[in-house]
Amino acid sequence: MKQLFFLFITVFILSACSNNDEDFSIQNENQVICNYDLLDESEAQKEFAIILSQAVYHNEPLRKFIKTEAIRQFDNDHDVFYPYVKNKKVDHDLTFRDLLLSYTNEQKLRQIEESLPLLTILV
């Protein structure tokens, strides 16, 4: 009886260890997939600067919008917190994010937003 009990405990421990190893490898594979889509922080900043400069150059209402938001001083400084203003309307029915999308694609802008969750535009 003792041998049967010992055998049962041994099989249980070995099966528990093997299941954890599989779960761990699946988690590591998912982390690699998620991190693959993210841009390097400096690369994301450069990409956003290019998109923003093109949008500001071609769109006067966007320039006024950024100026107005910077004057509001959400943190007692003249800068614009992108996550806070990205869905605000700039011109007619277009949001700040919509205007930026006209100078890039959805995937690139999403990568930038995920890489820089605290993106701030210094004015």
N, C-alpha and C. Protein backbone atom coordinates (compact mmCIF):
# COMPACT_ATOMS: atom_id res chain seq x y z
N MET A 1 0.81 -1.19 0.00
CA MET A 1 0.00 0.00 0.00
C MET A 1 0.85 1.26 0.00
N LYS A 2 1.93 1.24 0.80
CA LYS A 2 2.83 2.39 0.85
C LYS A 2 3.49 2.63 -0.51
N GLN A 3 3.84 1.54 -1.17
CA GLN A 3 4.50 1.67 -2.48
C GLN A 3 3.55 2.30 -3.50
N LEU A 4 2.30 1.90 -3.46
CA LEU A 4 1.31 2.45 -4.37
C LEU A 4 1.11 3.94 -4.10
N PHE A 5 1.03 4.31 -2.84
CA PHE A 5 0.88 5.71 -2.47
C PHE A 5 2.11 6.52 -2.93
N PHE A 6 3.31 6.00 -2.70
CA PHE A 6 4.54 6.66 -3.11
C PHE A 6 4.61 6.80 -4.63
N LEU A 7 4.21 5.78 -5.36
CA LEU A 7 4.18 5.82 -6.81
C LEU A 7 3.20 6.88 -7.31
N PHE A 8 2.03 6.95 -6.68
CA PHE A 8 1.02 7.94 -7.06
C PHE A 8 1.56 9.37 -6.84
N ILE A 9 2.19 9.62 -5.70
CA ILE A 9 2.75 10.95 -5.40
C ILE A 9 3.85 11.29 -6.41
N THR A 10 4.70 10.36 -6.75
CA THR A 10 5.79 10.59 -7.70
C THR A 10 5.24 10.94 -9.08
N VAL A 11 4.25 10.20 -9.55
CA VAL A 11 3.64 10.47 -10.85
C VAL A 11 2.96 11.83 -10.85
N PHE A 12 2.30 12.18 -9.78
CA PHE A 12 1.62 13.46 -9.66
C PHE A 12 2.62 14.61 -9.73
N ILE A 13 3.74 14.51 -9.01
CA ILE A 13 4.76 15.57 -9.00
C ILE A 13 5.40 15.72 -10.37
N LEU A 14 5.71 14.61 -11.01
CA LEU A 14 6.33 14.67 -12.33
C LEU A 14 5.38 15.25 -13.38
N SER A 15 4.11 14.92 -13.31
CA SER A 15 3.16 15.47 -14.28
C SER A 15 2.94 16.96 -14.04
N ALA A 16 2.94 17.39 -12.80
CA ALA A 16 2.78 18.81 -12.49
C ALA A 16 3.96 19.61 -13.01
N CYS A 17 5.16 19.07 -12.88
CA CYS A 17 6.35 19.78 -13.37
C CYS A 17 6.34 19.90 -14.88
N SER A 18 5.95 18.88 -15.58
CA SER A 18 5.96 18.93 -17.04
C SER A 18 4.92 19.91 -17.56
N ASN A 19 3.76 20.03 -16.93
CA ASN A 19 2.75 20.98 -17.37
C ASN A 19 3.21 22.41 -17.16
N ASN A 20 3.89 22.69 -16.08
CA ASN A 20 4.39 24.04 -15.84
C ASN A 20 5.42 24.45 -16.88
N ASP A 21 6.26 23.51 -17.29
CA ASP A 21 7.26 23.83 -18.31
C ASP A 21 6.59 24.22 -19.62
N GLU A 22 5.52 23.54 -19.99
CA GLU A 22 4.82 23.88 -21.23
C GLU A 22 4.18 25.25 -21.13
N ASP A 23 3.56 25.55 -19.99
CA ASP A 23 2.94 26.86 -19.80
C ASP A 23 3.98 27.96 -19.87
N PHE A 24 5.14 27.72 -19.27
CA PHE A 24 6.20 28.71 -19.27
C PHE A 24 6.70 28.98 -20.68
N SER A 25 6.87 27.94 -21.48
CA SER A 25 7.35 28.15 -22.85
C SER A 25 6.32 28.88 -23.70
N ILE A 26 5.03 28.62 -23.47
CA ILE A 26 3.98 29.33 -24.21
C ILE A 26 3.99 30.80 -23.82
N GLN A 27 4.15 31.12 -22.54
CA GLN A 27 4.20 32.51 -22.10
C GLN A 27 5.39 33.22 -22.72
N ASN A 28 6.55 32.58 -22.77
CA ASN A 28 7.73 33.20 -23.36
C ASN A 28 7.53 33.47 -24.84
N GLU A 29 6.89 32.55 -25.55
CA GLU A 29 6.63 32.76 -26.97
C GLU A 29 5.69 33.94 -27.18
N ASN A 30 4.67 34.10 -26.33
CA ASN A 30 3.74 35.22 -26.43
C ASN A 30 4.44 36.54 -26.15
N GLN A 31 5.36 36.56 -25.20
CA GLN A 31 6.09 37.79 -24.90
C GLN A 31 6.94 38.20 -26.08
N VAL A 32 7.57 37.26 -26.75
CA VAL A 32 8.38 37.58 -27.91
C VAL A 32 7.52 38.16 -29.02
N ILE A 33 6.34 37.59 -29.24
CA ILE A 33 5.44 38.08 -30.28
C ILE A 33 4.99 39.50 -29.96
N CYS A 34 4.63 39.77 -28.71
CA CYS A 34 4.17 41.11 -28.34
C CYS A 34 5.29 42.13 -28.45
N ASN A 35 6.49 41.80 -27.98
CA ASN A 35 7.59 42.74 -28.01
C ASN A 35 8.11 42.97 -29.43
N TYR A 36 7.84 42.05 -30.33
CA TYR A 36 8.31 42.19 -31.70
C TYR A 36 7.65 43.38 -32.39
N ASP A 37 6.37 43.64 -32.05
CA ASP A 37 5.63 44.72 -32.68
C ASP A 37 6.01 46.10 -32.15
N LEU A 38 6.59 46.18 -30.98
CA LEU A 38 6.93 47.46 -30.39
C LEU A 38 8.19 48.03 -31.03
N LEU A 39 8.18 49.35 -31.19
CA LEU A 39 9.35 50.05 -31.70
C LEU A 39 10.26 50.43 -30.55
N ASP A 40 11.53 50.64 -30.85
CA ASP A 40 12.45 51.19 -29.89
C ASP A 40 11.97 52.60 -29.54
N GLU A 41 12.15 53.05 -28.32
CA GLU A 41 11.62 54.34 -27.88
C GLU A 41 12.14 55.49 -28.73
N SER A 42 13.43 55.51 -29.01
CA SER A 42 13.98 56.61 -29.82
C SER A 42 13.48 56.54 -31.26
N GLU A 43 13.32 55.34 -31.79
CA GLU A 43 12.79 55.17 -33.14
C GLU A 43 11.34 55.63 -33.21
N ALA A 44 10.56 55.30 -32.19
CA ALA A 44 9.16 55.73 -32.14
C ALA A 44 9.07 57.25 -32.05
N GLN A 45 9.94 57.87 -31.28
CA GLN A 45 9.95 59.33 -31.17
C GLN A 45 10.27 59.98 -32.51
N LYS A 46 11.24 59.43 -33.22
CA LYS A 46 11.61 59.96 -34.54
C LYS A 46 10.46 59.83 -35.53
N GLU A 47 9.83 58.65 -35.53
CA GLU A 47 8.70 58.42 -36.44
C GLU A 47 7.55 59.39 -36.14
N PHE A 48 7.24 59.58 -34.84
CA PHE A 48 6.16 60.48 -34.48
C PHE A 48 6.52 61.92 -34.85
N ALA A 49 7.76 62.31 -34.67
CA ALA A 49 8.18 63.67 -35.01
C ALA A 49 8.01 63.93 -36.50
N ILE A 50 8.33 62.96 -37.32
CA ILE A 50 8.17 63.11 -38.77
C ILE A 50 6.70 63.26 -39.14
N ILE A 51 5.86 62.40 -38.57
CA ILE A 51 4.42 62.45 -38.87
C ILE A 51 3.82 63.77 -38.39
N LEU A 52 4.17 64.17 -37.17
CA LEU A 52 3.62 65.41 -36.61
C LEU A 52 4.09 66.63 -37.39
N SER A 53 5.34 66.65 -37.80
CA SER A 53 5.84 67.82 -38.55
C SER A 53 5.14 67.95 -39.90
N GLN A 54 4.88 66.84 -40.56
CA GLN A 54 4.15 66.90 -41.82
C GLN A 54 2.72 67.37 -41.60
N ALA A 55 2.08 66.87 -40.57
CA ALA A 55 0.70 67.25 -40.29
C ALA A 55 0.59 68.72 -39.91
N VAL A 56 1.50 69.20 -39.10
CA VAL A 56 1.47 70.60 -38.67
C VAL A 56 1.77 71.53 -39.84
N TYR A 57 2.68 71.13 -40.69
CA TYR A 57 3.05 71.96 -41.84
C TYR A 57 1.86 72.16 -42.79
N HIS A 58 1.07 71.12 -42.99
CA HIS A 58 -0.02 71.17 -43.97
C HIS A 58 -1.38 71.55 -43.38
N ASN A 59 -1.49 71.72 -42.07
CA ASN A 59 -2.81 71.89 -41.46
C ASN A 59 -2.80 73.00 -40.41
N GLU A 60 -3.32 74.17 -40.78
CA GLU A 60 -3.35 75.31 -39.86
C GLU A 60 -4.24 75.06 -38.65
N PRO A 61 -5.44 74.47 -38.79
CA PRO A 61 -6.24 74.18 -37.59
C PRO A 61 -5.51 73.30 -36.58
N LEU A 62 -4.67 72.40 -37.06
CA LEU A 62 -3.89 71.56 -36.16
C LEU A 62 -2.88 72.39 -35.38
N ARG A 63 -2.24 73.34 -36.04
CA ARG A 63 -1.30 74.24 -35.36
C ARG A 63 -2.01 75.02 -34.26
N LYS A 64 -3.18 75.54 -34.56
CA LYS A 64 -3.95 76.29 -33.57
C LYS A 64 -4.38 75.38 -32.41
N PHE A 65 -4.77 74.16 -32.74
CA PHE A 65 -5.19 73.20 -31.71
C PHE A 65 -4.05 72.92 -30.74
N ILE A 66 -2.87 72.65 -31.27
CA ILE A 66 -1.72 72.36 -30.42
C ILE A 66 -1.37 73.57 -29.55
N LYS A 67 -1.43 74.75 -30.15
CA LYS A 67 -1.15 75.97 -29.40
C LYS A 67 -2.16 76.14 -28.26
N THR A 68 -3.44 75.95 -28.55
CA THR A 68 -4.49 76.08 -27.53
C THR A 68 -4.30 75.07 -26.41
N GLU A 69 -3.99 73.83 -26.75
CA GLU A 69 -3.78 72.79 -25.74
C GLU A 69 -2.54 73.08 -24.90
N ALA A 70 -1.51 73.64 -25.51
CA ALA A 70 -0.30 73.96 -24.77
C ALA A 70 -0.55 75.10 -23.79
N ILE A 71 -1.39 76.05 -24.17
CA ILE A 71 -1.72 77.18 -23.30
C ILE A 71 -2.50 76.71 -22.07
N ARG A 72 -3.26 75.65 -22.20
CA ARG A 72 -4.05 75.11 -21.08
C ARG A 72 -3.18 74.62 -19.93
N GLN A 73 -1.96 74.24 -20.21
CA GLN A 73 -0.99 73.79 -19.20
C GLN A 73 -1.57 72.71 -18.28
N PHE A 74 -1.78 71.53 -18.80
CA PHE A 74 -2.37 70.46 -17.98
C PHE A 74 -1.47 70.07 -16.81
N ASP A 75 -0.17 70.32 -16.91
CA ASP A 75 0.75 69.99 -15.81
C ASP A 75 1.62 71.19 -15.43
N ASN A 76 1.05 72.38 -15.58
CA ASN A 76 1.75 73.63 -15.29
C ASN A 76 2.97 73.84 -16.17
N ASP A 77 2.91 73.32 -17.37
CA ASP A 77 3.97 73.49 -18.34
C ASP A 77 3.33 73.58 -19.72
N HIS A 78 4.02 74.21 -20.64
CA HIS A 78 3.47 74.38 -21.99
C HIS A 78 3.81 73.18 -22.87
N ASP A 79 3.16 72.08 -22.61
CA ASP A 79 3.30 70.90 -23.44
C ASP A 79 1.95 70.24 -23.61
N VAL A 80 1.89 69.29 -24.52
CA VAL A 80 0.62 68.63 -24.85
C VAL A 80 0.80 67.13 -24.61
N PHE A 81 -0.05 66.57 -23.77
CA PHE A 81 -0.01 65.14 -23.46
C PHE A 81 -0.84 64.41 -24.50
N TYR A 82 -0.17 63.71 -25.41
CA TYR A 82 -0.84 63.08 -26.56
C TYR A 82 -1.99 62.15 -26.18
N PRO A 83 -1.83 61.22 -25.23
CA PRO A 83 -2.96 60.34 -24.91
C PRO A 83 -4.20 61.10 -24.45
N TYR A 84 -4.02 62.25 -23.86
CA TYR A 84 -5.14 63.05 -23.37
C TYR A 84 -5.88 63.77 -24.50
N VAL A 85 -5.16 64.19 -25.56
CA VAL A 85 -5.77 65.00 -26.62
C VAL A 85 -5.99 64.27 -27.93
N LYS A 86 -5.54 63.04 -28.04
CA LYS A 86 -5.58 62.37 -29.34
C LYS A 86 -6.99 62.20 -29.90
N ASN A 87 -8.00 62.13 -29.05
CA ASN A 87 -9.37 61.94 -29.52
C ASN A 87 -10.21 63.21 -29.48
N LYS A 88 -9.57 64.34 -29.23
CA LYS A 88 -10.29 65.62 -29.27
C LYS A 88 -10.42 66.08 -30.72
N LYS A 89 -11.54 66.73 -31.01
CA LYS A 89 -11.78 67.22 -32.38
C LYS A 89 -10.94 68.45 -32.66
N VAL A 90 -10.33 68.45 -33.84
CA VAL A 90 -9.49 69.57 -34.26
C VAL A 90 -10.21 70.40 -35.30
N ASP A 91 -10.68 69.74 -36.34
CA ASP A 91 -11.30 70.43 -37.46
C ASP A 91 -12.53 69.63 -37.91
N HIS A 92 -13.70 70.23 -37.79
CA HIS A 92 -14.97 69.60 -38.15
C HIS A 92 -15.13 68.29 -37.39
N ASP A 93 -15.13 67.16 -38.07
CA ASP A 93 -15.30 65.86 -37.41
C ASP A 93 -13.99 65.11 -37.25
N LEU A 94 -12.87 65.72 -37.58
CA LEU A 94 -11.58 65.04 -37.50
C LEU A 94 -10.92 65.27 -36.15
N THR A 95 -10.45 64.16 -35.55
CA THR A 95 -9.72 64.26 -34.30
C THR A 95 -8.23 64.45 -34.60
N PHE A 96 -7.49 64.75 -33.55
CA PHE A 96 -6.03 64.90 -33.68
C PHE A 96 -5.43 63.63 -34.27
N ARG A 97 -5.86 62.49 -33.78
CA ARG A 97 -5.35 61.21 -34.27
C ARG A 97 -5.73 60.99 -35.74
N ASP A 98 -6.94 61.37 -36.12
CA ASP A 98 -7.37 61.23 -37.52
C ASP A 98 -6.48 62.04 -38.46
N LEU A 99 -6.13 63.25 -38.03
CA LEU A 99 -5.25 64.08 -38.86
C LEU A 99 -3.86 63.45 -39.00
N LEU A 100 -3.37 62.87 -37.92
CA LEU A 100 -2.07 62.20 -38.00
C LEU A 100 -2.14 60.98 -38.91
N LEU A 101 -3.28 60.29 -38.90
CA LEU A 101 -3.43 59.10 -39.75
C LEU A 101 -3.39 59.44 -41.24
N SER A 102 -3.67 60.68 -41.59
CA SER A 102 -3.60 61.04 -43.00
C SER A 102 -2.14 61.15 -43.48
N TYR A 103 -1.17 61.06 -42.56
CA TYR A 103 0.24 61.12 -42.92
C TYR A 103 0.98 59.83 -42.59
N THR A 104 0.25 58.82 -42.15
CA THR A 104 0.84 57.51 -41.88
C THR A 104 -0.28 56.48 -41.94
N ASN A 105 0.04 55.24 -41.58
CA ASN A 105 -1.00 54.20 -41.57
C ASN A 105 -1.33 53.82 -40.13
N GLU A 106 -2.43 53.12 -39.96
CA GLU A 106 -2.94 52.74 -38.65
C GLU A 106 -1.92 51.90 -37.87
N GLN A 107 -1.29 50.97 -38.55
CA GLN A 107 -0.34 50.07 -37.88
C GLN A 107 0.83 50.85 -37.31
N LYS A 108 1.40 51.76 -38.08
CA LYS A 108 2.56 52.53 -37.63
C LYS A 108 2.19 53.42 -36.44
N LEU A 109 1.04 54.09 -36.53
CA LEU A 109 0.63 54.96 -35.43
C LEU A 109 0.32 54.16 -34.17
N ARG A 110 -0.27 53.00 -34.32
CA ARG A 110 -0.54 52.14 -33.17
C ARG A 110 0.76 51.67 -32.53
N GLN A 111 1.76 51.33 -33.34
CA GLN A 111 3.06 50.93 -32.81
C GLN A 111 3.68 52.07 -32.00
N ILE A 112 3.59 53.28 -32.53
CA ILE A 112 4.14 54.44 -31.83
C ILE A 112 3.40 54.64 -30.51
N GLU A 113 2.09 54.57 -30.53
CA GLU A 113 1.30 54.78 -29.31
C GLU A 113 1.59 53.71 -28.26
N GLU A 114 1.81 52.49 -28.68
CA GLU A 114 2.13 51.42 -27.73
C GLU A 114 3.56 51.54 -27.21
N SER A 115 4.47 52.02 -28.05
CA SER A 115 5.86 52.17 -27.63
C SER A 115 6.04 53.38 -26.72
N LEU A 116 5.21 54.40 -26.91
CA LEU A 116 5.32 55.63 -26.12
C LEU A 116 3.97 55.95 -25.45
N PRO A 117 3.61 55.21 -24.43
CA PRO A 117 2.29 55.44 -23.81
C PRO A 117 2.17 56.80 -23.12
N LEU A 118 3.28 57.43 -22.77
CA LEU A 118 3.26 58.74 -22.11
C LEU A 118 3.81 59.83 -23.03
N LEU A 119 3.51 59.73 -24.30
CA LEU A 119 4.03 60.66 -25.29
C LEU A 119 3.59 62.08 -24.99
N THR A 120 4.55 62.99 -24.94
CA THR A 120 4.29 64.40 -24.67
C THR A 120 4.90 65.23 -25.78
N ILE A 121 4.13 66.17 -26.28
CA ILE A 121 4.60 67.08 -27.33
C ILE A 121 5.03 68.37 -26.66
N LEU A 122 6.32 68.67 -26.73
CA LEU A 122 6.83 69.88 -26.10
C LEU A 122 6.66 71.05 -27.06
N VAL A 123 6.08 72.13 -26.55
CA VAL A 123 5.81 73.30 -27.39
C VAL A 123 6.68 74.45 -26.90
